[in-house]
């Protein structure tokens, strides 16, 4: 059976390196323009250059998103942007707009083009159309079932790749074509500025009684009528491969390094275990379930893969994430004293028990023995965000190990 690609998101250079180290075959990123995550940190040209170099040295591919629905005023900037990207040599561009697609073909024909899910790719005719235009890959609409994907696979050229989202947040609107954000706030989801109104709490107003808000009760806290559960297909790797999907895509270009590391290494192990021996995959299923629950999520669903979802795919009583662990930082270099550098992400203190999360799937418990600030002064705790520290956990660590703390139930 063909080994599928594990495609992982990265919000910035640090997260890209984590995605690569923790098992990604490919990483997708956004530049500072023309992607659909305007509020992500995104990549400067220099960070993109460094990220592509880092990934390529480790035989990992890098795809750059340019998937806005472009207006006339965008096209000149798109052309100039592609001229810059041409020199960086990313492995593919992810595009949804036909005008942007044509510009990419003209400016950098040597770079693969992948057609974004934003293009509403719901049938084999659409796939064949994009293939004739020169696309190497088409990203499946999230509204497709596995049976529909199987039929598409049968009816398209063998060398046209299918990519599909298998994990992460779901949009309540068709293939992300949401108008709520633009209507309610003036920020256009299709220009990369979504405010996620699907996660807000709503009440009902009767038109003859303006200003009188009537709650829509699901429980004592109200209801979140558009709030979808998160997609998770970790238990269904065999079905994904049987459907002929070439690339298994993780959603989350706004997520931090802990989330990306957790999801990447869990899916990496699940894919490798299944291809080695399906019995090993089944045997390790409790571990996959446990590990995937350690990242932030909003309960899980299989989305449209097994048919049209019903009310069980929505969360009506809250809009909050479940968060089992707090992200503390990434391990850096080791100094002559045997202490390790770390740029702190959340507060921790002397004497605390924390976990060292490793790319190989192991988690090592350790106690914080010593903390020094960047001036070499001992401190009791690390309360300042992004504070540079040196720590001693009385155990060996490696660069890119992640430190985290289990949250109390």
Foldseek 3Di string as FASTA:
>chain_A
DDFFFEEFEALFLLLLLLLLQLAGQEYEFEACFQAQANPGPGYHLVSLLVSCVSNVVSNHAYEYENAFQDDPVCLVVLLVVLLSVLVSDGQEYEYAYPSSVVSNCVRRVVHAYEYALLNVPQALVVLQVVVVVPHQEYEHWLQDALVRLLVSCVRHDVRYAYEYEAWWADFLDGSQCDCVQCVPPVAHSSRNGRPPLLLDFAFDDDVVGPPDTHFDDPDPQGWSVNAFWIGHCLVPVVSCVVSPHRYHYYDDSRDDNVLSSLVNNLSSCLSVQCVVPVVSNVVCVVVSVVSNLQAWTRDYDNRDHPHHDDPVRGDIRHSGIDHFKAFFFFWDDADPVRWTKTFGAAKDFAQDWKWWARSNGDIDIFGWHWKAFPVRHTDGMDHDHRTIIITDRPDDDDGGTTIIHGDDD
